[in-house]
Amino acid sequence: MQIHRIELPTPFPVGPVNVFLLPGDPSTLIDAGPKTEQAQAALEAGLTAVGYRTDDVRRIILTHGHIDHFGGADWIRQRSGAEVFAHDADRSKFEGQRWFVDHLKKFFTEAGLPAAFLQIFVETLISYRELLDPLPGFSPLADGDAVDGGQSRLRVLHCPGHSQGHICLYHDEGALIAGDLLLQGISPNPIVEFTRKGKRVPTLPQYLQSLRRVLLLNCDVAYPGHGEPISNPSARIRELIAHHEQRKEEIRGRLNRKPKTLLDLCQEIYQNLDEINTMLALSEVIGHLDLLAEEKRVTVSRRGRKVVYRGK
C-alpha cells in the first residue's frame, strides 16, 4: 500500500498530528488536522512535496471526532470539493454540539470537583472552537465497510474507546491506519463519554476490547495518528494492555484503607494538572474502576452528592 505521511502542527501537548495521503483515484486524505494557519500551510507543503495540491483531494476519511484530527476537514472540503467520510457515532463531535456539558457537570460533581471547575473547563472547550469548523454533513462509514483507497482496498474497523466513533483502516497485506488506537510512547486516553440520556459509557473496557480485536489481525505495521509508523503493532498492543492491567491493580491497592472519590484517586496518582489534563486523568482512573467493577472487586456508594469507591 502506498501511503504518504504528512505531519501537521497542533497547539496540543500531544504535538504534531499525522494525516495520510493515499494516492490514486480517488486521492484520499486520512484525517485533516486542526483548523490553524500553521496546519493548513504544512498540509499544502506536504501535498506539494508528493505532487498534489489541496484541491486534488477527492475524499477525506476521518478516524475520529477529536479536533486535532478533524478540525480542518471542512476547510479542505471547501477548497477541493472532497467528500467526507466518518463513523456516525462521532456525529455530535463533528457537528460541534455541546449537549454533553450537562452530563459532565454531574460527573464532575460526583467525582468530588468544585463547581468552579466546570466553568473553567467549559471556557477552555469554547476556546478550542476556533480550531475547527463544524462539518455540515458527511457520509457514514460502518464496521466492515470496504473502502477503495486509490491503489489499495481497505476495510473499516470500528474501534471505540478513545472516541465512540473511532475507526481504523486495515489493508489485507498487514498495514493498519490506526488513528489514536495505537500510539508509541504514550497510552491513548479512553476519554469519558455519555449517551444523550446521560449514561456514562465504559470507554476503557471498550478500548481494551478494540485493542484485542486488532491484536488478532497480527498487523505488520501501523500508521498512528501521532508519531512514526509502528513496526511491531502486536508488541505495542500487548504493552498497552499490560499497562492498563498494572494501573488497575495499583488503583485497587489504593482502595484498601478507606472509601475514596474519583478526585482523591487522581490526586494521589497525578500532580499539578490543569483542567484538560484533570479531565484526562479522571477518564483514565474511572476506566480502571470500571474494570474493577466488572471483576466485582470494588464497591460504589454515595456520600452526599459524591460517589465513593472502596476495595472489595
C-alpha atoms as a PDB file:
ATOM      1  CA  MET A   1       0.000   0.000   0.000  1.00  0.00           C
ATOM      2  CA  GLN A   2       1.397   3.380  -0.997  1.00  0.00           C
ATOM      3  CA  ILE A   3       0.890   5.959   1.730  1.00  0.00           C
ATOM      4  CA  HIS A   4       2.380   9.394   2.314  1.00  0.00           C
ATOM      5  CA  ARG A   5       2.604  10.674   5.899  1.00  0.00           C
ATOM      6  CA  ILE A   6       2.298  14.433   6.392  1.00  0.00           C
ATOM      7  CA  GLU A   7       2.874  15.925   9.854  1.00  0.00           C
ATOM      8  CA  LEU A   8       0.792  18.929  10.847  1.00  0.00           C
ATOM      9  CA  PRO A   9       1.470  21.097  13.921  1.00  0.00           C
ATOM     10  CA  THR A  10      -1.147  21.273  16.678  1.00  0.00           C
ATOM     11  CA  PRO A  11      -1.427  23.525  19.747  1.00  0.00           C
ATOM     12  CA  PHE A  12      -1.903  20.497  21.987  1.00  0.00           C
ATOM     13  CA  PRO A  13       0.659  18.762  24.261  1.00  0.00           C
ATOM     14  CA  VAL A  14       0.483  15.611  22.122  1.00  0.00           C
ATOM     15  CA  GLY A  15       2.391  17.506  19.415  1.00  0.00           C
ATOM     16  CA  PRO A  16       2.071  17.110  15.635  1.00  0.00           C
ATOM     17  CA  VAL A  17      -0.724  15.055  14.134  1.00  0.00           C
ATOM     18  CA  ASN A  18      -0.359  12.775  11.124  1.00  0.00           C
ATOM     19  CA  VAL A  19      -2.518  12.938   8.049  1.00  0.00           C
ATOM     20  CA  PHE A  20      -2.028  10.342   5.348  1.00  0.00           C
ATOM     21  CA  LEU A  21      -2.429  10.736   1.609  1.00  0.00           C
ATOM     22  CA  LEU A  22      -3.416   7.638  -0.337  1.00  0.00           C
ATOM     23  CA  PRO A  23      -2.601   8.481  -3.965  1.00  0.00           C
ATOM     24  CA  GLY A  24      -4.627   7.243  -6.918  1.00  0.00           C
ATOM     25  CA  ASP A  25      -8.232   7.640  -7.929  1.00  0.00           C
ATOM     26  CA  PRO A  26      -9.854   8.860  -5.793  1.00  0.00           C
ATOM     27  CA  SER A  27      -6.999  10.582  -4.000  1.00  0.00           C
ATOM     28  CA  THR A  28      -7.794  10.125  -0.314  1.00  0.00           C
ATOM     29  CA  LEU A  29      -6.710  12.028   2.773  1.00  0.00           C
ATOM     30  CA  ILE A  30      -6.941  10.269   6.130  1.00  0.00           C
ATOM     31  CA  ASP A  31      -7.641  12.896   8.826  1.00  0.00           C
ATOM     32  CA  ALA A  32      -7.302  16.644   8.396  1.00  0.00           C
ATOM     33  CA  GLY A  33      -5.539  18.241  11.363  1.00  0.00           C
ATOM     34  CA  PRO A  34      -6.811  21.298  13.259  1.00  0.00           C
ATOM     35  CA  LYS A  35      -8.028  24.473  11.586  1.00  0.00           C
ATOM     36  CA  THR A  36      -4.985  26.687  12.034  1.00  0.00           C
ATOM     37  CA  GLU A  37      -2.944  28.643   9.513  1.00  0.00           C
ATOM     38  CA  GLN A  38       0.141  26.663  10.525  1.00  0.00           C
ATOM     39  CA  ALA A  39      -1.553  23.315   9.917  1.00  0.00           C
ATOM     40  CA  GLN A  40      -3.019  24.495   6.607  1.00  0.00           C
ATOM     41  CA  ALA A  41       0.395  25.655   5.384  1.00  0.00           C
ATOM     42  CA  ALA A  42       2.023  22.380   6.478  1.00  0.00           C
ATOM     43  CA  LEU A  43      -0.661  20.376   4.688  1.00  0.00           C
ATOM     44  CA  GLU A  44      -0.233  22.319   1.451  1.00  0.00           C
ATOM     45  CA  ALA A  45       3.565  21.941   1.640  1.00  0.00           C
ATOM     46  CA  GLY A  46       3.288  18.221   2.367  1.00  0.00           C
ATOM     47  CA  LEU A  47       0.917  17.632  -0.527  1.00  0.00           C
ATOM     48  CA  THR A  48       3.135  19.647  -2.883  1.00  0.00           C
ATOM     49  CA  ALA A  49       6.146  17.523  -1.896  1.00  0.00           C
ATOM     50  CA  VAL A  50       4.416  14.414  -3.302  1.00  0.00           C
ATOM     51  CA  GLY A  51       2.961  16.110  -6.367  1.00  0.00           C
ATOM     52  CA  TYR A  52      -0.510  17.026  -5.121  1.00  0.00           C
ATOM     53  CA  ARG A  53      -2.444  20.152  -4.220  1.00  0.00           C
ATOM     54  CA  THR A  54      -5.235  20.659  -1.720  1.00  0.00           C
ATOM     55  CA  ASP A  55      -7.813  20.846  -4.499  1.00  0.00           C
ATOM     56  CA  ASP A  56      -6.649  17.424  -5.791  1.00  0.00           C
ATOM     57  CA  VAL A  57      -8.094  15.724  -2.701  1.00  0.00           C
ATOM     58  CA  ARG A  58     -11.271  13.878  -3.678  1.00  0.00           C
ATOM     59  CA  ARG A  59     -12.073  12.151  -0.413  1.00  0.00           C
ATOM     60  CA  ILE A  60     -11.417  12.709   3.296  1.00  0.00           C
ATOM     61  CA  ILE A  61     -11.766   9.873   5.811  1.00  0.00           C
ATOM     62  CA  LEU A  62     -11.758  10.880   9.464  1.00  0.00           C
ATOM     63  CA  THR A  63     -10.594   8.379  12.065  1.00  0.00           C
ATOM     64  CA  HIS A  64     -12.486  10.128  14.891  1.00  0.00           C
ATOM     65  CA  GLY A  65     -14.019  13.345  16.104  1.00  0.00           C
ATOM     66  CA  HIS A  66     -11.213  14.984  18.071  1.00  0.00           C
ATOM     67  CA  ILE A  67     -10.219  18.483  16.978  1.00  0.00           C
ATOM     68  CA  ASP A  68      -6.613  17.669  16.108  1.00  0.00           C
ATOM     69  CA  HIS A  69      -7.886  15.078  13.621  1.00  0.00           C
ATOM     70  CA  PHE A  70     -10.923  16.710  12.041  1.00  0.00           C
ATOM     71  CA  GLY A  71     -10.867  20.464  12.748  1.00  0.00           C
ATOM     72  CA  GLY A  72      -9.559  21.365   9.276  1.00  0.00           C
ATOM     73  CA  ALA A  73     -11.735  18.938   7.302  1.00  0.00           C
ATOM     74  CA  ASP A  74     -14.321  21.473   6.186  1.00  0.00           C
ATOM     75  CA  TRP A  75     -11.581  23.918   5.141  1.00  0.00           C
ATOM     76  CA  ILE A  76     -10.181  21.200   2.841  1.00  0.00           C
ATOM     77  CA  ARG A  77     -13.653  20.225   1.627  1.00  0.00           C
ATOM     78  CA  GLN A  78     -14.486  23.800   0.648  1.00  0.00           C
ATOM     79  CA  ARG A  79     -11.312  24.077  -1.443  1.00  0.00           C
ATOM     80  CA  SER A  80     -11.381  20.662  -3.082  1.00  0.00           C
ATOM     81  CA  GLY A  81     -14.996  19.542  -3.167  1.00  0.00           C
ATOM     82  CA  ALA A  82     -13.868  16.325  -1.457  1.00  0.00           C
ATOM     83  CA  GLU A  83     -16.488  14.037   0.053  1.00  0.00           C
ATOM     84  CA  VAL A  84     -16.037  13.467   3.784  1.00  0.00           C
ATOM     85  CA  PHE A  85     -16.500  10.055   5.416  1.00  0.00           C
ATOM     86  CA  ALA A  86     -16.605   9.193   9.121  1.00  0.00           C
ATOM     87  CA  HIS A  87     -18.358   6.984  11.658  1.00  0.00           C
ATOM     88  CA  ASP A  88     -21.781   8.186  12.735  1.00  0.00           C
ATOM     89  CA  ALA A  89     -21.104   7.605  16.460  1.00  0.00           C
ATOM     90  CA  ASP A  90     -18.952  10.770  16.466  1.00  0.00           C
ATOM     91  CA  ARG A  91     -21.515  12.906  14.634  1.00  0.00           C
ATOM     92  CA  SER A  92     -22.119  15.201  17.612  1.00  0.00           C
ATOM     93  CA  LYS A  93     -18.382  15.959  17.793  1.00  0.00           C
ATOM     94  CA  PHE A  94     -18.120  16.669  14.070  1.00  0.00           C
ATOM     95  CA  GLU A  95     -21.126  18.980  14.299  1.00  0.00           C
ATOM     96  CA  GLY A  96     -19.686  20.832  17.309  1.00  0.00           C
ATOM     97  CA  GLN A  97     -22.624  20.015  19.585  1.00  0.00           C
ATOM     98  CA  ARG A  98     -22.294  20.614  23.342  1.00  0.00           C
ATOM     99  CA  TRP A  99     -25.193  18.662  24.849  1.00  0.00           C
ATOM    100  CA  PHE A 100     -22.703  16.589  26.875  1.00  0.00           C
ATOM    101  CA  VAL A 101     -21.803  19.578  29.097  1.00  0.00           C
ATOM    102  CA  ASP A 102     -24.764  18.944  31.431  1.00  0.00           C
ATOM    103  CA  HIS A 103     -23.662  15.334  31.821  1.00  0.00           C
ATOM    104  CA  LEU A 104     -20.110  16.471  32.567  1.00  0.00           C
ATOM    105  CA  LYS A 105     -21.377  18.749  35.321  1.00  0.00           C
ATOM    106  CA  LYS A 106     -22.968  15.789  37.098  1.00  0.00           C
ATOM    107  CA  PHE A 107     -19.859  13.655  36.518  1.00  0.00           C
ATOM    108  CA  PHE A 108     -17.518  16.311  37.931  1.00  0.00           C
ATOM    109  CA  THR A 109     -19.747  16.809  40.985  1.00  0.00           C
ATOM    110  CA  GLU A 110     -19.849  13.070  41.685  1.00  0.00           C
ATOM    111  CA  ALA A 111     -16.064  12.901  41.223  1.00  0.00           C
ATOM    112  CA  GLY A 112     -15.585  15.469  44.009  1.00  0.00           C
ATOM    113  CA  LEU A 113     -14.608  18.507  41.949  1.00  0.00           C
ATOM    114  CA  PRO A 114     -15.702  22.019  42.962  1.00  0.00           C
ATOM    115  CA  ALA A 115     -18.439  23.724  40.926  1.00  0.00           C
ATOM    116  CA  ALA A 116     -15.960  26.289  39.584  1.00  0.00           C
ATOM    117  CA  PHE A 117     -14.068  23.551  37.754  1.00  0.00           C
ATOM    118  CA  LEU A 118     -16.869  23.035  35.224  1.00  0.00           C
ATOM    119  CA  GLN A 119     -16.937  26.722  34.308  1.00  0.00           C
ATOM    120  CA  ILE A 120     -13.186  26.832  33.703  1.00  0.00           C
ATOM    121  CA  PHE A 121     -13.297  23.560  31.774  1.00  0.00           C
ATOM    122  CA  VAL A 122     -16.153  24.711  29.532  1.00  0.00           C
ATOM    123  CA  GLU A 123     -14.395  28.026  28.881  1.00  0.00           C
ATOM    124  CA  THR A 124     -11.354  26.037  27.755  1.00  0.00           C
ATOM    125  CA  LEU A 125     -13.505  23.919  25.432  1.00  0.00           C
ATOM    126  CA  ILE A 126     -15.073  27.064  23.966  1.00  0.00           C
ATOM    127  CA  SER A 127     -11.611  28.462  23.256  1.00  0.00           C
ATOM    128  CA  TYR A 128     -10.856  25.335  21.216  1.00  0.00           C
ATOM    129  CA  ARG A 129     -13.778  26.011  18.856  1.00  0.00           C
ATOM    130  CA  GLU A 130     -11.593  28.341  16.806  1.00  0.00           C
ATOM    131  CA  LEU A 131      -9.592  25.234  15.853  1.00  0.00           C
ATOM    132  CA  LEU A 132     -12.494  23.638  13.985  1.00  0.00           C
ATOM    133  CA  ASP A 133     -15.235  24.271  11.509  1.00  0.00           C
ATOM    134  CA  PRO A 134     -18.283  22.086  12.252  1.00  0.00           C
ATOM    135  CA  LEU A 135     -18.970  19.671   9.414  1.00  0.00           C
ATOM    136  CA  PRO A 136     -22.276  20.375   7.663  1.00  0.00           C
ATOM    137  CA  GLY A 137     -22.553  16.680   6.822  1.00  0.00           C
ATOM    138  CA  PHE A 138     -20.605  13.557   5.956  1.00  0.00           C
ATOM    139  CA  SER A 139     -21.119  10.089   4.533  1.00  0.00           C
ATOM    140  CA  PRO A 140     -21.243   7.495   7.317  1.00  0.00           C
ATOM    141  CA  LEU A 141     -18.875   4.541   7.474  1.00  0.00           C
ATOM    142  CA  ALA A 142     -19.706   1.339   9.359  1.00  0.00           C
ATOM    143  CA  ASP A 143     -17.676  -1.576  10.658  1.00  0.00           C
ATOM    144  CA  GLY A 144     -16.764  -3.947   7.842  1.00  0.00           C
ATOM    145  CA  ASP A 145     -17.227  -1.435   5.029  1.00  0.00           C
ATOM    146  CA  ALA A 146     -14.756  -1.719   2.180  1.00  0.00           C
ATOM    147  CA  VAL A 147     -13.048   1.494   1.094  1.00  0.00           C
ATOM    148  CA  ASP A 148     -11.202   1.901  -2.193  1.00  0.00           C
ATOM    149  CA  GLY A 149      -8.051   3.725  -1.164  1.00  0.00           C
ATOM    150  CA  GLY A 150      -6.917   4.805  -4.609  1.00  0.00           C
ATOM    151  CA  GLN A 151      -4.446   1.987  -5.261  1.00  0.00           C
ATOM    152  CA  SER A 152      -5.487  -0.103  -2.261  1.00  0.00           C
ATOM    153  CA  ARG A 153      -8.617  -1.636  -0.764  1.00  0.00           C
ATOM    154  CA  LEU A 154      -9.145  -1.031   2.922  1.00  0.00           C
ATOM    155  CA  ARG A 155     -11.540  -2.450   5.489  1.00  0.00           C
ATOM    156  CA  VAL A 156     -13.170  -0.242   8.114  1.00  0.00           C
ATOM    157  CA  LEU A 157     -12.769  -1.416  11.706  1.00  0.00           C
ATOM    158  CA  HIS A 158     -14.947   0.318  14.291  1.00  0.00           C
ATOM    159  CA  CYS A 159     -12.660   0.576  17.338  1.00  0.00           C
ATOM    160  CA  PRO A 160     -14.420   2.598  20.061  1.00  0.00           C
ATOM    161  CA  GLY A 161     -12.789   3.546  23.357  1.00  0.00           C
ATOM    162  CA  HIS A 162     -10.633   6.587  22.665  1.00  0.00           C
ATOM    163  CA  SER A 163     -13.702   8.022  20.959  1.00  0.00           C
ATOM    164  CA  GLN A 164     -17.074   6.390  20.311  1.00  0.00           C
ATOM    165  CA  GLY A 165     -16.796   6.786  16.550  1.00  0.00           C
ATOM    166  CA  HIS A 166     -13.119   5.851  16.254  1.00  0.00           C
ATOM    167  CA  ILE A 167     -12.241   3.776  13.198  1.00  0.00           C
ATOM    168  CA  CYS A 168      -9.109   2.127  11.894  1.00  0.00           C
ATOM    169  CA  LEU A 169      -8.477   1.153   8.275  1.00  0.00           C
ATOM    170  CA  TYR A 170      -6.960  -2.273   7.613  1.00  0.00           C
ATOM    171  CA  HIS A 171      -5.188  -3.434   4.471  1.00  0.00           C
ATOM    172  CA  ASP A 172      -5.063  -7.184   3.890  1.00  0.00           C
ATOM    173  CA  GLU A 173      -1.303  -7.054   3.313  1.00  0.00           C
ATOM    174  CA  GLY A 174      -0.911  -6.294   7.022  1.00  0.00           C
ATOM    175  CA  ALA A 175      -0.975  -2.492   7.267  1.00  0.00           C
ATOM    176  CA  LEU A 176      -3.202  -0.628   9.710  1.00  0.00           C
ATOM    177  CA  ILE A 177      -4.038   3.072   9.653  1.00  0.00           C
ATOM    178  CA  ALA A 178      -4.572   3.230  13.392  1.00  0.00           C
ATOM    179  CA  GLY A 179      -5.696   6.759  14.255  1.00  0.00           C
ATOM    180  CA  ASP A 180      -5.276   7.138  18.015  1.00  0.00           C
ATOM    181  CA  LEU A 181      -5.928   3.492  18.828  1.00  0.00           C
ATOM    182  CA  LEU A 182      -2.169   2.868  18.879  1.00  0.00           C
ATOM    183  CA  LEU A 183       0.480   5.424  19.789  1.00  0.00           C
ATOM    184  CA  GLN A 184       4.133   4.823  20.507  1.00  0.00           C
ATOM    185  CA  GLY A 185       5.385   6.047  23.866  1.00  0.00           C
ATOM    186  CA  ILE A 186       2.064   7.230  25.308  1.00  0.00           C
ATOM    187  CA  SER A 187      -1.170   5.492  26.178  1.00  0.00           C
ATOM    188  CA  PRO A 188      -4.207   6.806  24.251  1.00  0.00           C
ATOM    189  CA  ASN A 189      -6.736   8.170  26.709  1.00  0.00           C
ATOM    190  CA  PRO A 190     -10.162   6.487  26.997  1.00  0.00           C
ATOM    191  CA  ILE A 191     -11.924   9.852  27.280  1.00  0.00           C
ATOM    192  CA  VAL A 192     -15.127   9.798  29.326  1.00  0.00           C
ATOM    193  CA  GLU A 193     -18.292   9.903  27.209  1.00  0.00           C
ATOM    194  CA  PHE A 194     -22.049   9.762  27.728  1.00  0.00           C
ATOM    195  CA  THR A 195     -25.175   8.736  25.905  1.00  0.00           C
ATOM    196  CA  ARG A 196     -27.608  11.545  25.139  1.00  0.00           C
ATOM    197  CA  LYS A 197     -29.655  10.452  28.165  1.00  0.00           C
ATOM    198  CA  GLY A 198     -26.611  10.893  30.409  1.00  0.00           C
ATOM    199  CA  LYS A 199     -25.465   7.315  30.947  1.00  0.00           C
ATOM    200  CA  ARG A 200     -21.694   7.157  31.139  1.00  0.00           C
ATOM    201  CA  VAL A 201     -20.073   4.877  28.567  1.00  0.00           C
ATOM    202  CA  PRO A 202     -17.380   2.447  29.874  1.00  0.00           C
ATOM    203  CA  THR A 203     -14.721   3.694  27.471  1.00  0.00           C
ATOM    204  CA  LEU A 204     -11.655   1.874  28.835  1.00  0.00           C
ATOM    205  CA  PRO A 205     -13.261  -1.600  28.635  1.00  0.00           C
ATOM    206  CA  GLN A 206     -14.289  -0.657  25.076  1.00  0.00           C
ATOM    207  CA  TYR A 207     -10.763   0.467  24.260  1.00  0.00           C
ATOM    208  CA  LEU A 208      -9.202  -2.758  25.526  1.00  0.00           C
ATOM    209  CA  GLN A 209     -11.717  -4.773  23.507  1.00  0.00           C
ATOM    210  CA  SER A 210     -10.731  -2.784  20.406  1.00  0.00           C
ATOM    211  CA  LEU A 211      -7.045  -3.457  21.092  1.00  0.00           C
ATOM    212  CA  ARG A 212      -7.658  -7.186  21.428  1.00  0.00           C
ATOM    213  CA  ARG A 213      -9.616  -7.220  18.191  1.00  0.00           C
ATOM    214  CA  VAL A 214      -6.757  -5.585  16.295  1.00  0.00           C
ATOM    215  CA  LEU A 215      -4.228  -7.878  18.012  1.00  0.00           C
ATOM    216  CA  LEU A 216      -5.875 -10.843  16.271  1.00  0.00           C
ATOM    217  CA  LEU A 217      -5.033  -9.288  12.891  1.00  0.00           C
ATOM    218  CA  ASN A 218      -1.292  -9.599  13.630  1.00  0.00           C
ATOM    219  CA  CYS A 219      -0.517  -6.467  11.608  1.00  0.00           C
ATOM    220  CA  ASP A 220       2.960  -5.902  10.179  1.00  0.00           C
ATOM    221  CA  VAL A 221       2.913  -2.115  10.501  1.00  0.00           C
ATOM    222  CA  ALA A 222       0.626   0.525  11.990  1.00  0.00           C
ATOM    223  CA  TYR A 223       0.406   4.147  10.928  1.00  0.00           C
ATOM    224  CA  PRO A 224      -0.645   6.051  14.079  1.00  0.00           C
ATOM    225  CA  GLY A 225      -2.299   9.421  14.419  1.00  0.00           C
ATOM    226  CA  HIS A 226       0.845  10.812  16.064  1.00  0.00           C
ATOM    227  CA  GLY A 227       4.461   9.804  15.583  1.00  0.00           C
ATOM    228  CA  GLU A 228       6.393   7.443  13.343  1.00  0.00           C
ATOM    229  CA  PRO A 229       4.992   4.174  11.952  1.00  0.00           C
ATOM    230  CA  ILE A 230       4.949   1.332  14.477  1.00  0.00           C
ATOM    231  CA  SER A 231       6.901  -1.636  13.133  1.00  0.00           C
ATOM    232  CA  ASN A 232       5.549  -4.221  15.597  1.00  0.00           C
ATOM    233  CA  PRO A 233       1.938  -3.299  16.360  1.00  0.00           C
ATOM    234  CA  SER A 234       1.209  -6.549  18.194  1.00  0.00           C
ATOM    235  CA  ALA A 235       4.007  -5.905  20.688  1.00  0.00           C
ATOM    236  CA  ARG A 236       2.758  -2.366  21.270  1.00  0.00           C
ATOM    237  CA  ILE A 237      -0.790  -3.614  21.849  1.00  0.00           C
ATOM    238  CA  ARG A 238       0.464  -6.088  24.450  1.00  0.00           C
ATOM    239  CA  GLU A 239       2.376  -3.264  26.172  1.00  0.00           C
ATOM    240  CA  LEU A 240      -0.776  -1.134  26.329  1.00  0.00           C
ATOM    241  CA  ILE A 241      -2.881  -3.985  27.698  1.00  0.00           C
ATOM    242  CA  ALA A 242      -0.200  -4.741  30.315  1.00  0.00           C
ATOM    243  CA  HIS A 243      -0.023  -1.039  31.258  1.00  0.00           C
ATOM    244  CA  HIS A 244      -3.755  -0.917  31.969  1.00  0.00           C
ATOM    245  CA  GLU A 245      -3.650  -4.179  33.893  1.00  0.00           C
ATOM    246  CA  GLN A 246      -0.845  -2.810  36.082  1.00  0.00           C
ATOM    247  CA  ARG A 247      -2.601   0.517  36.629  1.00  0.00           C
ATOM    248  CA  LYS A 248      -5.849  -1.273  37.505  1.00  0.00           C
ATOM    249  CA  GLU A 249      -4.058  -3.246  40.230  1.00  0.00           C
ATOM    250  CA  GLU A 250      -2.367  -0.081  41.526  1.00  0.00           C
ATOM    251  CA  ILE A 251      -5.740   1.630  41.885  1.00  0.00           C
ATOM    252  CA  ARG A 252      -7.212  -1.436  43.585  1.00  0.00           C
ATOM    253  CA  GLY A 253      -4.363  -1.269  46.087  1.00  0.00           C
ATOM    254  CA  ARG A 254      -5.203   2.350  46.901  1.00  0.00           C
ATOM    255  CA  LEU A 255      -8.760   1.409  47.883  1.00  0.00           C
ATOM    256  CA  ASN A 256      -7.876  -0.859  50.791  1.00  0.00           C
ATOM    257  CA  ARG A 257      -7.994   1.637  53.674  1.00  0.00           C
ATOM    258  CA  LYS A 258     -10.987   3.931  53.207  1.00  0.00           C
ATOM    259  CA  PRO A 259     -13.542   4.984  50.586  1.00  0.00           C
ATOM    260  CA  LYS A 260     -12.220   7.487  48.060  1.00  0.00           C
ATOM    261  CA  THR A 261     -13.717   9.744  45.446  1.00  0.00           C
ATOM    262  CA  LEU A 262     -12.508   9.743  41.874  1.00  0.00           C
ATOM    263  CA  LEU A 263     -10.742  13.045  42.567  1.00  0.00           C
ATOM    264  CA  ASP A 264      -8.990  11.541  45.621  1.00  0.00           C
ATOM    265  CA  LEU A 265      -7.543   8.786  43.458  1.00  0.00           C
ATOM    266  CA  CYS A 266      -6.497  11.153  40.664  1.00  0.00           C
ATOM    267  CA  GLN A 267      -4.705  13.443  43.095  1.00  0.00           C
ATOM    268  CA  GLU A 268      -2.810  10.501  44.581  1.00  0.00           C
ATOM    269  CA  ILE A 269      -1.593   9.345  41.150  1.00  0.00           C
ATOM    270  CA  TYR A 270      -1.157  12.635  39.230  1.00  0.00           C
ATOM    271  CA  GLN A 271       0.139  16.019  40.349  1.00  0.00           C
ATOM    272  CA  ASN A 272      -0.123  19.608  39.100  1.00  0.00           C
ATOM    273  CA  LEU A 273      -2.754  19.050  36.422  1.00  0.00           C
ATOM    274  CA  ASP A 274      -4.544  21.795  34.525  1.00  0.00           C
ATOM    275  CA  GLU A 275      -8.260  21.484  33.696  1.00  0.00           C
ATOM    276  CA  ILE A 276      -7.877  19.500  30.478  1.00  0.00           C
ATOM    277  CA  ASN A 277      -5.337  17.093  31.966  1.00  0.00           C
ATOM    278  CA  THR A 278      -7.538  16.706  35.048  1.00  0.00           C
ATOM    279  CA  MET A 279     -10.303  15.599  32.678  1.00  0.00           C
ATOM    280  CA  LEU A 280      -7.933  13.093  31.064  1.00  0.00           C
ATOM    281  CA  ALA A 281      -6.862  11.790  34.468  1.00  0.00           C
ATOM    282  CA  LEU A 282     -10.487  11.373  35.558  1.00  0.00           C
ATOM    283  CA  SER A 283     -11.188   9.468  32.332  1.00  0.00           C
ATOM    284  CA  GLU A 284      -8.259   7.139  32.874  1.00  0.00           C
ATOM    285  CA  VAL A 285      -8.977   6.371  36.528  1.00  0.00           C
ATOM    286  CA  ILE A 286     -12.736   5.902  36.104  1.00  0.00           C
ATOM    287  CA  GLY A 287     -11.895   3.444  33.329  1.00  0.00           C
ATOM    288  CA  HIS A 288      -9.811   1.320  35.676  1.00  0.00           C
ATOM    289  CA  LEU A 289     -12.581   1.476  38.261  1.00  0.00           C
ATOM    290  CA  ASP A 290     -14.946   0.196  35.548  1.00  0.00           C
ATOM    291  CA  LEU A 291     -12.615  -2.776  35.014  1.00  0.00           C
ATOM    292  CA  LEU A 292     -12.537  -3.472  38.753  1.00  0.00           C
ATOM    293  CA  ALA A 293     -16.323  -3.211  38.904  1.00  0.00           C
ATOM    294  CA  GLU A 294     -16.598  -5.777  36.092  1.00  0.00           C
ATOM    295  CA  GLU A 295     -14.465  -8.097  38.241  1.00  0.00           C
ATOM    296  CA  LYS A 296     -16.610  -7.301  41.325  1.00  0.00           C
ATOM    297  CA  ARG A 297     -13.528  -6.048  43.191  1.00  0.00           C
ATOM    298  CA  VAL A 298     -14.835  -2.612  44.086  1.00  0.00           C
ATOM    299  CA  THR A 299     -17.976  -1.277  45.717  1.00  0.00           C
ATOM    300  CA  VAL A 300     -19.599   2.001  44.751  1.00  0.00           C
ATOM    301  CA  SER A 301     -21.666   4.140  47.133  1.00  0.00           C
ATOM    302  CA  ARG A 302     -22.665   7.758  47.683  1.00  0.00           C
ATOM    303  CA  ARG A 303     -21.528  10.324  50.218  1.00  0.00           C
ATOM    304  CA  GLY A 304     -23.918  13.204  49.668  1.00  0.00           C
ATOM    305  CA  ARG A 305     -23.578  14.222  46.022  1.00  0.00           C
ATOM    306  CA  LYS A 306     -20.222  12.500  45.661  1.00  0.00           C
ATOM    307  CA  VAL A 307     -19.579   8.911  44.557  1.00  0.00           C
ATOM    308  CA  VAL A 308     -17.036   6.961  46.584  1.00  0.00           C
ATOM    309  CA  TYR A 309     -15.210   3.722  45.839  1.00  0.00           C
ATOM    310  CA  ARG A 310     -13.904   1.035  48.152  1.00  0.00           C
ATOM    311  CA  GLY A 311     -11.994  -2.190  47.605  1.00  0.00           C
ATOM    312  CA  LYS A 312     -13.887  -5.421  47.907  1.00  0.00           C
END
